[in-house]
Amino acid sequence: MKIRSIAIALVLFAGSCFAADVDGKWAGTLSTPMGDVPVAFTFKADGAALSGTTSGPDGSEVKIANGKTDGNKISFSVTFDFGGMPLQLDYKGVVANGEIKFTIDVAGMTMDFSVKKAA
């Protein structure tokens, strides 16, 4: 029984060792019907918790909410003030080789884009 417990602990530990390096600044472009929009994020992972910021439409810094990491997957939400109304964007991303491939859910519509780690 002890060997099984040790084996499970090692597997769980090894999984956390392979967590993606998401800490730092990331930048890219989101293509929209109204043209390309630059996007930038700053992330900090602490275990399974993800915190950070992005830029709002007016250039202001907006904190992410509900940030989570799971291996090479991340997820979080951002709420922007869109003409006096809150607009929530839900992000899911996969981190690999200095790039995050995102899918955003905006009121049931999805968009894909990617960002690269800033030097």
PDB file of N, CA and C in Angstrom:
ATOM      1  N   MET A   1       0.813  -1.186   0.000  1.00  0.00           N
ATOM      2  CA  MET A   1       0.000   0.000   0.000  1.00  0.00           C
ATOM      3  C   MET A   1       0.862   1.259   0.000  1.00  0.00           C
ATOM      4  N   LYS A   2       1.966   1.231   0.776  1.00  0.00           N
ATOM      5  CA  LYS A   2       2.849   2.391   0.818  1.00  0.00           C
ATOM      6  C   LYS A   2       3.487   2.654  -0.542  1.00  0.00           C
ATOM      7  N   ILE A   3       3.851   1.597  -1.255  1.00  0.00           N
ATOM      8  CA  ILE A   3       4.479   1.767  -2.573  1.00  0.00           C
ATOM      9  C   ILE A   3       3.496   2.446  -3.525  1.00  0.00           C
ATOM     10  N   ARG A   4       2.252   2.039  -3.468  1.00  0.00           N
ATOM     11  CA  ARG A   4       1.230   2.649  -4.335  1.00  0.00           C
ATOM     12  C   ARG A   4       1.084   4.138  -4.012  1.00  0.00           C
ATOM     13  N   SER A   5       1.049   4.489  -2.742  1.00  0.00           N
ATOM     14  CA  SER A   5       0.930   5.896  -2.328  1.00  0.00           C
ATOM     15  C   SER A   5       2.128   6.709  -2.810  1.00  0.00           C
ATOM     16  N   ILE A   6       3.297   6.135  -2.675  1.00  0.00           N
ATOM     17  CA  ILE A   6       4.515   6.813  -3.130  1.00  0.00           C
ATOM     18  C   ILE A   6       4.478   7.001  -4.646  1.00  0.00           C
ATOM     19  N   ALA A   7       4.049   5.976  -5.374  1.00  0.00           N
ATOM     20  CA  ALA A   7       3.962   6.065  -6.839  1.00  0.00           C
ATOM     21  C   ALA A   7       2.992   7.154  -7.260  1.00  0.00           C
ATOM     22  N   ILE A   8       1.841   7.241  -6.606  1.00  0.00           N
ATOM     23  CA  ILE A   8       0.854   8.279  -6.934  1.00  0.00           C
ATOM     24  C   ILE A   8       1.429   9.663  -6.638  1.00  0.00           C
ATOM     25  N   ALA A   9       2.095   9.810  -5.508  1.00  0.00           N
ATOM     26  CA  ALA A   9       2.703  11.097  -5.154  1.00  0.00           C
ATOM     27  C   ALA A   9       3.748  11.511  -6.188  1.00  0.00           C
ATOM     28  N   LEU A  10       4.552  10.567  -6.651  1.00  0.00           N
ATOM     29  CA  LEU A  10       5.566  10.873  -7.655  1.00  0.00           C
ATOM     30  C   LEU A  10       4.942  11.302  -8.984  1.00  0.00           C
ATOM     31  N   VAL A  11       3.875  10.639  -9.377  1.00  0.00           N
ATOM     32  CA  VAL A  11       3.188  11.008 -10.616  1.00  0.00           C
ATOM     33  C   VAL A  11       2.627  12.422 -10.505  1.00  0.00           C
ATOM     34  N   LEU A  12       1.997  12.744  -9.383  1.00  0.00           N
ATOM     35  CA  LEU A  12       1.452  14.087  -9.191  1.00  0.00           C
ATOM     36  C   LEU A  12       2.559  15.128  -9.166  1.00  0.00           C
ATOM     37  N   PHE A  13       3.663  14.823  -8.510  1.00  0.00           N
ATOM     38  CA  PHE A  13       4.796  15.743  -8.468  1.00  0.00           C
ATOM     39  C   PHE A  13       5.382  15.942  -9.855  1.00  0.00           C
ATOM     40  N   ALA A  14       5.551  14.882 -10.614  1.00  0.00           N
ATOM     41  CA  ALA A  14       6.113  14.976 -11.964  1.00  0.00           C
ATOM     42  C   ALA A  14       5.216  15.818 -12.852  1.00  0.00           C
ATOM     43  N   GLY A  15       3.898  15.695 -12.711  1.00  0.00           N
ATOM     44  CA  GLY A  15       2.974  16.509 -13.496  1.00  0.00           C
ATOM     45  C   GLY A  15       3.153  17.987 -13.228  1.00  0.00           C
ATOM     46  N   SER A  16       3.378  18.343 -11.966  1.00  0.00           N
ATOM     47  CA  SER A  16       3.572  19.756 -11.648  1.00  0.00           C
ATOM     48  C   SER A  16       4.914  20.265 -12.152  1.00  0.00           C
ATOM     49  N   CYS A  17       5.886  19.390 -12.312  1.00  0.00           N
ATOM     50  CA  CYS A  17       7.188  19.796 -12.838  1.00  0.00           C
ATOM     51  C   CYS A  17       7.097  20.186 -14.308  1.00  0.00           C
ATOM     52  N   PHE A  18       6.104  19.653 -15.001  1.00  0.00           N
ATOM     53  CA  PHE A  18       5.957  19.936 -16.422  1.00  0.00           C
ATOM     54  C   PHE A  18       4.967  21.057 -16.695  1.00  0.00           C
ATOM     55  N   ALA A  19       4.600  21.815 -15.682  1.00  0.00           N
ATOM     56  CA  ALA A  19       3.708  22.949 -15.883  1.00  0.00           C
ATOM     57  C   ALA A  19       4.381  23.953 -16.810  1.00  0.00           C
ATOM     58  N   ALA A  20       3.586  24.552 -17.656  1.00  0.00           N
ATOM     59  CA  ALA A  20       4.114  25.511 -18.627  1.00  0.00           C
ATOM     60  C   ALA A  20       4.625  26.758 -17.927  1.00  0.00           C
ATOM     61  N   ASP A  21       5.645  27.369 -18.491  1.00  0.00           N
ATOM     62  CA  ASP A  21       6.191  28.612 -17.961  1.00  0.00           C
ATOM     63  C   ASP A  21       5.388  29.770 -18.549  1.00  0.00           C
ATOM     64  N   VAL A  22       4.379  30.201 -17.828  1.00  0.00           N
ATOM     65  CA  VAL A  22       3.498  31.259 -18.315  1.00  0.00           C
ATOM     66  C   VAL A  22       3.876  32.629 -17.741  1.00  0.00           C
ATOM     67  N   ASP A  23       4.731  32.664 -16.723  1.00  0.00           N
ATOM     68  CA  ASP A  23       5.104  33.928 -16.088  1.00  0.00           C
ATOM     69  C   ASP A  23       5.760  34.883 -17.084  1.00  0.00           C
ATOM     70  N   GLY A  24       5.361  36.150 -16.997  1.00  0.00           N
ATOM     71  CA  GLY A  24       5.988  37.178 -17.818  1.00  0.00           C
ATOM     72  C   GLY A  24       5.010  37.878 -18.745  1.00  0.00           C
ATOM     73  N   LYS A  25       5.591  38.579 -19.717  1.00  0.00           N
ATOM     74  CA  LYS A  25       4.810  39.380 -20.657  1.00  0.00           C
ATOM     75  C   LYS A  25       4.621  38.637 -21.978  1.00  0.00           C
ATOM     76  N   TRP A  26       3.419  38.775 -22.543  1.00  0.00           N
ATOM     77  CA  TRP A  26       3.039  38.124 -23.787  1.00  0.00           C
ATOM     78  C   TRP A  26       2.357  39.153 -24.677  1.00  0.00           C
ATOM     79  N   ALA A  27       2.560  39.070 -25.993  1.00  0.00           N
ATOM     80  CA  ALA A  27       1.944  40.030 -26.910  1.00  0.00           C
ATOM     81  C   ALA A  27       1.590  39.364 -28.233  1.00  0.00           C
ATOM     82  N   GLY A  28       0.569  39.907 -28.881  1.00  0.00           N
ATOM     83  CA  GLY A  28       0.139  39.393 -30.177  1.00  0.00           C
ATOM     84  C   GLY A  28      -0.908  40.297 -30.788  1.00  0.00           C
ATOM     85  N   THR A  29      -1.630  39.768 -31.772  1.00  0.00           N
ATOM     86  CA  THR A  29      -2.652  40.522 -32.491  1.00  0.00           C
ATOM     87  C   THR A  29      -3.903  39.669 -32.627  1.00  0.00           C
ATOM     88  N   LEU A  30      -5.039  40.281 -32.372  1.00  0.00           N
ATOM     89  CA  LEU A  30      -6.333  39.627 -32.543  1.00  0.00           C
ATOM     90  C   LEU A  30      -6.982  40.215 -33.788  1.00  0.00           C
ATOM     91  N   SER A  31      -7.279  39.365 -34.762  1.00  0.00           N
ATOM     92  CA  SER A  31      -7.949  39.814 -35.986  1.00  0.00           C
ATOM     93  C   SER A  31      -9.448  39.846 -35.747  1.00  0.00           C
ATOM     94  N   THR A  32     -10.065  41.009 -35.992  1.00  0.00           N
ATOM     95  CA  THR A  32     -11.508  41.175 -35.825  1.00  0.00           C
ATOM     96  C   THR A  32     -12.093  41.698 -37.130  1.00  0.00           C
ATOM     97  N   PRO A  33     -13.414  41.639 -37.271  1.00  0.00           N
ATOM     98  CA  PRO A  33     -14.041  42.194 -38.477  1.00  0.00           C
ATOM     99  C   PRO A  33     -13.769  43.690 -38.655  1.00  0.00           C
ATOM    100  N   MET A  34     -13.412  44.364 -37.556  1.00  0.00           N
ATOM    101  CA  MET A  34     -13.134  45.798 -37.622  1.00  0.00           C
ATOM    102  C   MET A  34     -11.641  46.087 -37.714  1.00  0.00           C
ATOM    103  N   GLY A  35     -10.825  45.068 -37.954  1.00  0.00           N
ATOM    104  CA  GLY A  35      -9.378  45.241 -38.080  1.00  0.00           C
ATOM    105  C   GLY A  35      -8.613  44.543 -36.981  1.00  0.00           C
ATOM    106  N   ASP A  36      -7.295  44.549 -37.127  1.00  0.00           N
ATOM    107  CA  ASP A  36      -6.425  43.915 -36.147  1.00  0.00           C
ATOM    108  C   ASP A  36      -6.315  44.761 -34.884  1.00  0.00           C
ATOM    109  N   VAL A  37      -6.300  44.082 -33.739  1.00  0.00           N
ATOM    110  CA  VAL A  37      -6.209  44.736 -32.443  1.00  0.00           C
ATOM    111  C   VAL A  37      -5.010  44.157 -31.700  1.00  0.00           C
ATOM    112  N   PRO A  38      -4.061  45.009 -31.274  1.00  0.00           N
ATOM    113  CA  PRO A  38      -2.935  44.482 -30.489  1.00  0.00           C
ATOM    114  C   PRO A  38      -3.418  44.035 -29.112  1.00  0.00           C
ATOM    115  N   VAL A  39      -2.881  42.916 -28.632  1.00  0.00           N
ATOM    116  CA  VAL A  39      -3.219  42.400 -27.304  1.00  0.00           C
ATOM    117  C   VAL A  39      -1.937  42.133 -26.539  1.00  0.00           C
ATOM    118  N   ALA A  40      -1.987  42.342 -25.240  1.00  0.00           N
ATOM    119  CA  ALA A  40      -0.821  42.102 -24.388  1.00  0.00           C
ATOM    120  C   ALA A  40      -1.295  41.632 -23.020  1.00  0.00           C
ATOM    121  N   PHE A  41      -0.539  40.728 -22.436  1.00  0.00           N
ATOM    122  CA  PHE A  41      -0.850  40.174 -21.128  1.00  0.00           C
ATOM    123  C   PHE A  41       0.416  40.116 -20.294  1.00  0.00           C
ATOM    124  N   THR A  42       0.249  40.178 -18.987  1.00  0.00           N
ATOM    125  CA  THR A  42       1.301  39.877 -18.026  1.00  0.00           C
ATOM    126  C   THR A  42       0.719  38.843 -17.075  1.00  0.00           C
ATOM    127  N   PHE A  43       1.406  37.701 -16.940  1.00  0.00           N
ATOM    128  CA  PHE A  43       0.908  36.606 -16.114  1.00  0.00           C
ATOM    129  C   PHE A  43       1.895  36.246 -15.012  1.00  0.00           C
ATOM    130  N   LYS A  44       1.335  35.710 -13.919  1.00  0.00           N
ATOM    131  CA  LYS A  44       2.124  35.153 -12.826  1.00  0.00           C
ATOM    132  C   LYS A  44       1.376  33.943 -12.291  1.00  0.00           C
ATOM    133  N   ALA A  45       1.980  32.768 -12.404  1.00  0.00           N
ATOM    134  CA  ALA A  45       1.381  31.539 -11.887  1.00  0.00           C
ATOM    135  C   ALA A  45       1.915  31.274 -10.487  1.00  0.00           C
ATOM    136  N   ASP A  46       1.026  30.818  -9.618  1.00  0.00           N
ATOM    137  CA  ASP A  46       1.391  30.423  -8.268  1.00  0.00           C
ATOM    138  C   ASP A  46       0.650  29.119  -7.995  1.00  0.00           C
ATOM    139  N   GLY A  47       1.318  28.000  -8.290  1.00  0.00           N
ATOM    140  CA  GLY A  47       0.650  26.709  -8.224  1.00  0.00           C
ATOM    141  C   GLY A  47      -0.397  26.645  -9.327  1.00  0.00           C
ATOM    142  N   ALA A  48      -1.635  26.339  -8.963  1.00  0.00           N
ATOM    143  CA  ALA A  48      -2.714  26.260  -9.943  1.00  0.00           C
ATOM    144  C   ALA A  48      -3.415  27.605 -10.145  1.00  0.00           C
ATOM    145  N   ALA A  49      -3.009  28.627  -9.384  1.00  0.00           N
ATOM    146  CA  ALA A  49      -3.627  29.954  -9.506  1.00  0.00           C
ATOM    147  C   ALA A  49      -2.863  30.808 -10.514  1.00  0.00           C
ATOM    148  N   LEU A  50      -3.600  31.554 -11.322  1.00  0.00           N
ATOM    149  CA  LEU A  50      -3.011  32.455 -12.314  1.00  0.00           C
ATOM    150  C   LEU A  50      -3.540  33.858 -12.057  1.00  0.00           C
ATOM    151  N   SER A  51      -2.622  34.815 -11.948  1.00  0.00           N
ATOM    152  CA  SER A  51      -3.010  36.218 -11.818  1.00  0.00           C
ATOM    153  C   SER A  51      -2.342  36.983 -12.951  1.00  0.00           C
ATOM    154  N   GLY A  52      -2.778  38.217 -13.139  1.00  0.00           N
ATOM    155  CA  GLY A  52      -2.160  39.021 -14.176  1.00  0.00           C
ATOM    156  C   GLY A  52      -3.054  40.136 -14.655  1.00  0.00           C
ATOM    157  N   THR A  53      -2.614  40.763 -15.746  1.00  0.00           N
ATOM    158  CA  THR A  53      -3.330  41.898 -16.314  1.00  0.00           C
ATOM    159  C   THR A  53      -3.298  41.837 -17.834  1.00  0.00           C
ATOM    160  N   THR A  54      -4.191  42.610 -18.429  1.00  0.00           N
ATOM    161  CA  THR A  54      -4.193  42.849 -19.862  1.00  0.00           C
ATOM    162  C   THR A  54      -4.502  44.323 -20.067  1.00  0.00           C
ATOM    163  N   SER A  55      -4.450  44.785 -21.292  1.00  0.00           N
ATOM    164  CA  SER A  55      -4.761  46.174 -21.599  1.00  0.00           C
ATOM    165  C   SER A  55      -6.211  46.294 -22.042  1.00  0.00           C
ATOM    166  N   GLY A  56      -6.903  47.288 -21.505  1.00  0.00           N
ATOM    167  CA  GLY A  56      -8.268  47.559 -21.918  1.00  0.00           C
ATOM    168  C   GLY A  56      -8.282  48.302 -23.243  1.00  0.00           C
ATOM    169  N   PRO A  57      -9.468  48.474 -23.836  1.00  0.00           N
ATOM    170  CA  PRO A  57      -9.586  49.178 -25.114  1.00  0.00           C
ATOM    171  C   PRO A  57      -9.025  50.610 -25.067  1.00  0.00           C
ATOM    172  N   ASP A  58      -9.056  51.213 -23.875  1.00  0.00           N
ATOM    173  CA  ASP A  58      -8.538  52.576 -23.725  1.00  0.00           C
ATOM    174  C   ASP A  58      -7.075  52.598 -23.295  1.00  0.00           C
ATOM    175  N   GLY A  59      -6.446  51.421 -23.228  1.00  0.00           N
ATOM    176  CA  GLY A  59      -5.042  51.333 -22.834  1.00  0.00           C
ATOM    177  C   GLY A  59      -4.838  51.142 -21.347  1.00  0.00           C
ATOM    178  N   SER A  60      -5.918  51.169 -20.565  1.00  0.00           N
ATOM    179  CA  SER A  60      -5.790  50.996 -19.118  1.00  0.00           C
ATOM    180  C   SER A  60      -5.486  49.532 -18.791  1.00  0.00           C
ATOM    181  N   GLU A  61      -4.912  49.328 -17.620  1.00  0.00           N
ATOM    182  CA  GLU A  61      -4.579  47.981 -17.163  1.00  0.00           C
ATOM    183  C   GLU A  61      -5.811  47.355 -16.519  1.00  0.00           C
ATOM    184  N   VAL A  62      -6.161  46.128 -16.939  1.00  0.00           N
ATOM    185  CA  VAL A  62      -7.328  45.418 -16.420  1.00  0.00           C
ATOM    186  C   VAL A  62      -6.862  44.090 -15.837  1.00  0.00           C
ATOM    187  N   LYS A  63      -7.251  43.815 -14.585  1.00  0.00           N
ATOM    188  CA  LYS A  63      -6.863  42.561 -13.937  1.00  0.00           C
ATOM    189  C   LYS A  63      -7.681  41.398 -14.482  1.00  0.00           C
ATOM    190  N   ILE A  64      -7.009  40.244 -14.595  1.00  0.00           N
ATOM    191  CA  ILE A  64      -7.725  39.027 -14.969  1.00  0.00           C
ATOM    192  C   ILE A  64      -8.396  38.471 -13.719  1.00  0.00           C
ATOM    193  N   ALA A  65      -9.447  37.653 -13.915  1.00  0.00           N
ATOM    194  CA  ALA A  65     -10.168  37.040 -12.800  1.00  0.00           C
ATOM    195  C   ALA A  65     -10.286  35.541 -13.052  1.00  0.00           C
ATOM    196  N   ASN A  66     -10.472  34.787 -11.992  1.00  0.00           N
ATOM    197  CA  ASN A  66     -10.684  33.339 -12.074  1.00  0.00           C
ATOM    198  C   ASN A  66      -9.556  32.623 -12.826  1.00  0.00           C
ATOM    199  N   GLY A  67      -8.331  33.101 -12.675  1.00  0.00           N
ATOM    200  CA  GLY A  67      -7.199  32.520 -13.394  1.00  0.00           C
ATOM    201  C   GLY A  67      -6.790  31.166 -12.837  1.00  0.00           C
ATOM    202  N   LYS A  68      -6.584  30.214 -13.763  1.00  0.00           N
ATOM    203  CA  LYS A  68      -6.189  28.858 -13.375  1.00  0.00           C
ATOM    204  C   LYS A  68      -5.132  28.329 -14.343  1.00  0.00           C
ATOM    205  N   THR A  69      -4.252  27.481 -13.823  1.00  0.00           N
ATOM    206  CA  THR A  69      -3.304  26.753 -14.656  1.00  0.00           C
ATOM    207  C   THR A  69      -3.498  25.264 -14.397  1.00  0.00           C
ATOM    208  N   ASP A  70      -3.290  24.477 -15.448  1.00  0.00           N
ATOM    209  CA  ASP A  70      -3.378  23.024 -15.332  1.00  0.00           C
ATOM    210  C   ASP A  70      -2.418  22.444 -16.360  1.00  0.00           C
ATOM    211  N   GLY A  71      -1.176  22.181 -15.922  1.00  0.00           N
ATOM    212  CA  GLY A  71      -0.156  21.730 -16.872  1.00  0.00           C
ATOM    213  C   GLY A  71       0.143  22.834 -17.863  1.00  0.00           C
ATOM    214  N   ASN A  72      -0.103  22.571 -19.153  1.00  0.00           N
ATOM    215  CA  ASN A  72       0.160  23.587 -20.169  1.00  0.00           C
ATOM    216  C   ASN A  72      -1.105  24.351 -20.554  1.00  0.00           C
ATOM    217  N   LYS A  73      -2.193  24.165 -19.798  1.00  0.00           N
ATOM    218  CA  LYS A  73      -3.445  24.863 -20.083  1.00  0.00           C
ATOM    219  C   LYS A  73      -3.668  25.981 -19.081  1.00  0.00           C
ATOM    220  N   ILE A  74      -4.189  27.115 -19.566  1.00  0.00           N
ATOM    221  CA  ILE A  74      -4.550  28.217 -18.691  1.00  0.00           C
ATOM    222  C   ILE A  74      -5.966  28.668 -19.041  1.00  0.00           C
ATOM    223  N   SER A  75      -6.614  29.300 -18.071  1.00  0.00           N
ATOM    224  CA  SER A  75      -7.930  29.879 -18.318  1.00  0.00           C
ATOM    225  C   SER A  75      -8.118  31.061 -17.371  1.00  0.00           C
ATOM    226  N   PHE A  76      -8.904  32.027 -17.813  1.00  0.00           N
ATOM    227  CA  PHE A  76      -9.199  33.199 -17.001  1.00  0.00           C
ATOM    228  C   PHE A  76     -10.302  34.009 -17.679  1.00  0.00           C
ATOM    229  N   SER A  77     -10.803  35.009 -16.965  1.00  0.00           N
ATOM    230  CA  SER A  77     -11.806  35.923 -17.497  1.00  0.00           C
ATOM    231  C   SER A  77     -11.321  37.349 -17.345  1.00  0.00           C
ATOM    232  N   VAL A  78     -11.805  38.212 -18.221  1.00  0.00           N
ATOM    233  CA  VAL A  78     -11.538  39.642 -18.143  1.00  0.00           C
ATOM    234  C   VAL A  78     -12.865  40.345 -18.394  1.00  0.00           C
ATOM    235  N   THR A  79     -13.173  41.354 -17.573  1.00  0.00           N
ATOM    236  CA  THR A  79     -14.386  42.138 -17.789  1.00  0.00           C
ATOM    237  C   THR A  79     -13.987  43.556 -18.145  1.00  0.00           C
ATOM    238  N   PHE A  80     -14.432  43.999 -19.329  1.00  0.00           N
ATOM    239  CA  PHE A  80     -14.167  45.351 -19.812  1.00  0.00           C
ATOM    240  C   PHE A  80     -15.428  46.195 -19.685  1.00  0.00           C
ATOM    241  N   ASP A  81     -15.238  47.496 -19.515  1.00  0.00           N
ATOM    242  CA  ASP A  81     -16.354  48.441 -19.559  1.00  0.00           C
ATOM    243  C   ASP A  81     -16.535  48.816 -21.023  1.00  0.00           C
ATOM    244  N   PHE A  82     -17.646  48.396 -21.600  1.00  0.00           N
ATOM    245  CA  PHE A  82     -17.904  48.621 -23.013  1.00  0.00           C
ATOM    246  C   PHE A  82     -19.076  49.594 -23.135  1.00  0.00           C
ATOM    247  N   GLY A  83     -18.741  50.885 -23.148  1.00  0.00           N
ATOM    248  CA  GLY A  83     -19.771  51.915 -23.238  1.00  0.00           C
ATOM    249  C   GLY A  83     -20.717  51.924 -22.052  1.00  0.00           C
ATOM    250  N   GLY A  84     -20.186  51.706 -20.860  1.00  0.00           N
ATOM    251  CA  GLY A  84     -20.995  51.706 -19.654  1.00  0.00           C
ATOM    252  C   GLY A  84     -21.600  50.356 -19.312  1.00  0.00           C
ATOM    253  N   MET A  85     -21.385  49.372 -20.164  1.00  0.00           N
ATOM    254  CA  MET A  85     -21.899  48.021 -19.889  1.00  0.00           C
ATOM    255  C   MET A  85     -20.725  47.064 -19.732  1.00  0.00           C
ATOM    256  N   PRO A  86     -20.797  46.164 -18.728  1.00  0.00           N
ATOM    257  CA  PRO A  86     -19.705  45.194 -18.573  1.00  0.00           C
ATOM    258  C   PRO A  86     -19.746  44.146 -19.680  1.00  0.00           C
ATOM    259  N   LEU A  87     -18.578  43.844 -20.230  1.00  0.00           N
ATOM    260  CA  LEU A  87     -18.434  42.816 -21.256  1.00  0.00           C
ATOM    261  C   LEU A  87     -17.388  41.829 -20.764  1.00  0.00           C
ATOM    262  N   GLN A  88     -17.814  40.588 -20.493  1.00  0.00           N
ATOM    263  CA  GLN A  88     -16.892  39.566 -19.989  1.00  0.00           C
ATOM    264  C   GLN A  88     -16.375  38.712 -21.132  1.00  0.00           C
ATOM    265  N   LEU A  89     -15.062  38.538 -21.166  1.00  0.00           N
ATOM    266  CA  LEU A  89     -14.402  37.656 -22.119  1.00  0.00           C
ATOM    267  C   LEU A  89     -13.805  36.494 -21.337  1.00  0.00           C
ATOM    268  N   ASP A  90     -14.074  35.277 -21.781  1.00  0.00           N
ATOM    269  CA  ASP A  90     -13.532  34.082 -21.141  1.00  0.00           C
ATOM    270  C   ASP A  90     -12.462  33.487 -22.042  1.00  0.00           C
ATOM    271  N   TYR A  91     -11.249  33.362 -21.514  1.00  0.00           N
ATOM    272  CA  TYR A  91     -10.097  32.889 -22.272  1.00  0.00           C
ATOM    273  C   TYR A  91      -9.727  31.477 -21.858  1.00  0.00           C
ATOM    274  N   LYS A  92      -9.379  30.645 -22.834  1.00  0.00           N
ATOM    275  CA  LYS A  92      -8.763  29.342 -22.597  1.00  0.00           C
ATOM    276  C   LYS A  92      -7.557  29.279 -23.510  1.00  0.00           C
ATOM    277  N   GLY A  93      -6.413  28.858 -22.969  1.00  0.00           N
ATOM    278  CA  GLY A  93      -5.200  28.826 -23.766  1.00  0.00           C
ATOM    279  C   GLY A  93      -4.354  27.600 -23.505  1.00  0.00           C
ATOM    280  N   VAL A  94      -3.508  27.302 -24.494  1.00  0.00           N
ATOM    281  CA  VAL A  94      -2.539  26.222 -24.385  1.00  0.00           C
ATOM    282  C   VAL A  94      -1.159  26.833 -24.609  1.00  0.00           C
ATOM    283  N   VAL A  95      -0.263  26.610 -23.648  1.00  0.00           N
ATOM    284  CA  VAL A  95       1.086  27.173 -23.684  1.00  0.00           C
ATOM    285  C   VAL A  95       2.049  26.135 -24.236  1.00  0.00           C
ATOM    286  N   ALA A  96       2.815  26.511 -25.281  1.00  0.00           N
ATOM    287  CA  ALA A  96       3.826  25.609 -25.841  1.00  0.00           C
ATOM    288  C   ALA A  96       4.854  26.405 -26.622  1.00  0.00           C
ATOM    289  N   ASN A  97       6.117  26.130 -26.368  1.00  0.00           N
ATOM    290  CA  ASN A  97       7.231  26.695 -27.137  1.00  0.00           C
ATOM    291  C   ASN A  97       7.172  28.219 -27.259  1.00  0.00           C
ATOM    292  N   GLY A  98       6.975  28.907 -26.138  1.00  0.00           N
ATOM    293  CA  GLY A  98       6.986  30.366 -26.144  1.00  0.00           C
ATOM    294  C   GLY A  98       5.777  30.994 -26.798  1.00  0.00           C
ATOM    295  N   GLU A  99       4.672  30.253 -26.896  1.00  0.00           N
ATOM    296  CA  GLU A  99       3.456  30.761 -27.525  1.00  0.00           C
ATOM    297  C   GLU A  99       2.241  30.266 -26.728  1.00  0.00           C
ATOM    298  N   ILE A 100       1.202  31.099 -26.667  1.00  0.00           N
ATOM    299  CA  ILE A 100      -0.071  30.679 -26.087  1.00  0.00           C
ATOM    300  C   ILE A 100      -1.115  30.791 -27.190  1.00  0.00           C
ATOM    301  N   LYS A 101      -1.784  29.682 -27.482  1.00  0.00           N
ATOM    302  CA  LYS A 101      -2.884  29.672 -28.447  1.00  0.00           C
ATOM    303  C   LYS A 101      -4.176  29.784 -27.656  1.00  0.00           C
ATOM    304  N   PHE A 102      -4.887  30.900 -27.861  1.00  0.00           N
ATOM    305  CA  PHE A 102      -6.091  31.210 -27.114  1.00  0.00           C
ATOM    306  C   PHE A 102      -7.358  30.991 -27.927  1.00  0.00           C
ATOM    307  N   THR A 103      -8.418  30.654 -27.212  1.00  0.00           N
ATOM    308  CA  THR A 103      -9.787  30.741 -27.716  1.00  0.00           C
ATOM    309  C   THR A 103     -10.516  31.637 -26.729  1.00  0.00           C
ATOM    310  N   ILE A 104     -11.179  32.676 -27.257  1.00  0.00           N
ATOM    311  CA  ILE A 104     -11.957  33.594 -26.421  1.00  0.00           C
ATOM    312  C   ILE A 104     -13.429  33.321 -26.669  1.00  0.00           C
ATOM    313  N   ASP A 105     -14.198  33.312 -25.600  1.00  0.00           N
ATOM    314  CA  ASP A 105     -15.648  33.214 -25.703  1.00  0.00           C
ATOM    315  C   ASP A 105     -16.218  34.574 -25.331  1.00  0.00           C
ATOM    316  N   VAL A 106     -16.909  35.192 -26.318  1.00  0.00           N
ATOM    317  CA  VAL A 106     -17.542  36.484 -26.108  1.00  0.00           C
ATOM    318  C   VAL A 106     -19.040  36.285 -26.357  1.00  0.00           C
ATOM    319  N   ALA A 107     -19.806  36.166 -25.291  1.00  0.00           N
ATOM    320  CA  ALA A 107     -21.257  35.988 -25.394  1.00  0.00           C
ATOM    321  C   ALA A 107     -21.625  34.854 -26.345  1.00  0.00           C
ATOM    322  N   GLY A 108     -20.922  33.739 -26.247  1.00  0.00           N
ATOM    323  CA  GLY A 108     -21.231  32.575 -27.072  1.00  0.00           C
ATOM    324  C   GLY A 108     -20.529  32.527 -28.416  1.00  0.00           C
ATOM    325  N   MET A 109     -19.872  33.604 -28.811  1.00  0.00           N
ATOM    326  CA  MET A 109     -19.079  33.606 -30.052  1.00  0.00           C
ATOM    327  C   MET A 109     -17.625  33.364 -29.673  1.00  0.00           C
ATOM    328  N   THR A 110     -16.928  32.538 -30.456  1.00  0.00           N
ATOM    329  CA  THR A 110     -15.525  32.268 -30.144  1.00  0.00           C
ATOM    330  C   THR A 110     -14.609  32.842 -31.221  1.00  0.00           C
ATOM    331  N   MET A 111     -13.429  33.233 -30.782  1.00  0.00           N
ATOM    332  CA  MET A 111     -12.369  33.720 -31.665  1.00  0.00           C
ATOM    333  C   MET A 111     -11.069  33.078 -31.214  1.00  0.00           C
ATOM    334  N   ASP A 112     -10.187  32.802 -32.168  1.00  0.00           N
ATOM    335  CA  ASP A 112      -8.882  32.224 -31.868  1.00  0.00           C
ATOM    336  C   ASP A 112      -7.792  33.220 -32.212  1.00  0.00           C
ATOM    337  N   PHE A 113      -6.736  33.218 -31.410  1.00  0.00           N
ATOM    338  CA  PHE A 113      -5.544  34.021 -31.677  1.00  0.00           C
ATOM    339  C   PHE A 113      -4.405  33.472 -30.834  1.00  0.00           C
ATOM    340  N   SER A 114      -3.210  33.964 -31.086  1.00  0.00           N
ATOM    341  CA  SER A 114      -2.075  33.524 -30.286  1.00  0.00           C
ATOM    342  C   SER A 114      -1.215  34.723 -29.899  1.00  0.00           C
ATOM    343  N   VAL A 115      -0.474  34.550 -28.827  1.00  0.00           N
ATOM    344  CA  VAL A 115       0.492  35.539 -28.367  1.00  0.00           C
ATOM    345  C   VAL A 115       1.823  34.842 -28.161  1.00  0.00           C
ATOM    346  N   LYS A 116       2.872  35.617 -28.242  1.00  0.00           N
ATOM    347  CA  LYS A 116       4.224  35.079 -28.043  1.00  0.00           C
ATOM    348  C   LYS A 116       4.847  35.752 -26.837  1.00  0.00           C
ATOM    349  N   LYS A 117       5.752  35.025 -26.209  1.00  0.00           N
ATOM    350  CA  LYS A 117       6.453  35.552 -25.036  1.00  0.00           C
ATOM    351  C   LYS A 117       7.307  36.740 -25.467  1.00  0.00           C
ATOM    352  N   ALA A 118       7.148  37.835 -24.772  1.00  0.00           N
ATOM    353  CA  ALA A 118       7.926  39.044 -25.071  1.00  0.00           C
ATOM    354  C   ALA A 118       9.332  38.891 -24.502  1.00  0.00           C
ATOM    355  N   ALA A 119      10.292  39.384 -25.232  1.00  0.00           N
ATOM    356  CA  ALA A 119      11.698  39.261 -24.808  1.00  0.00           C
ATOM    357  C   ALA A 119      12.033  40.165 -23.667  1.00  0.00           C
TER     358      ALA A 119
END
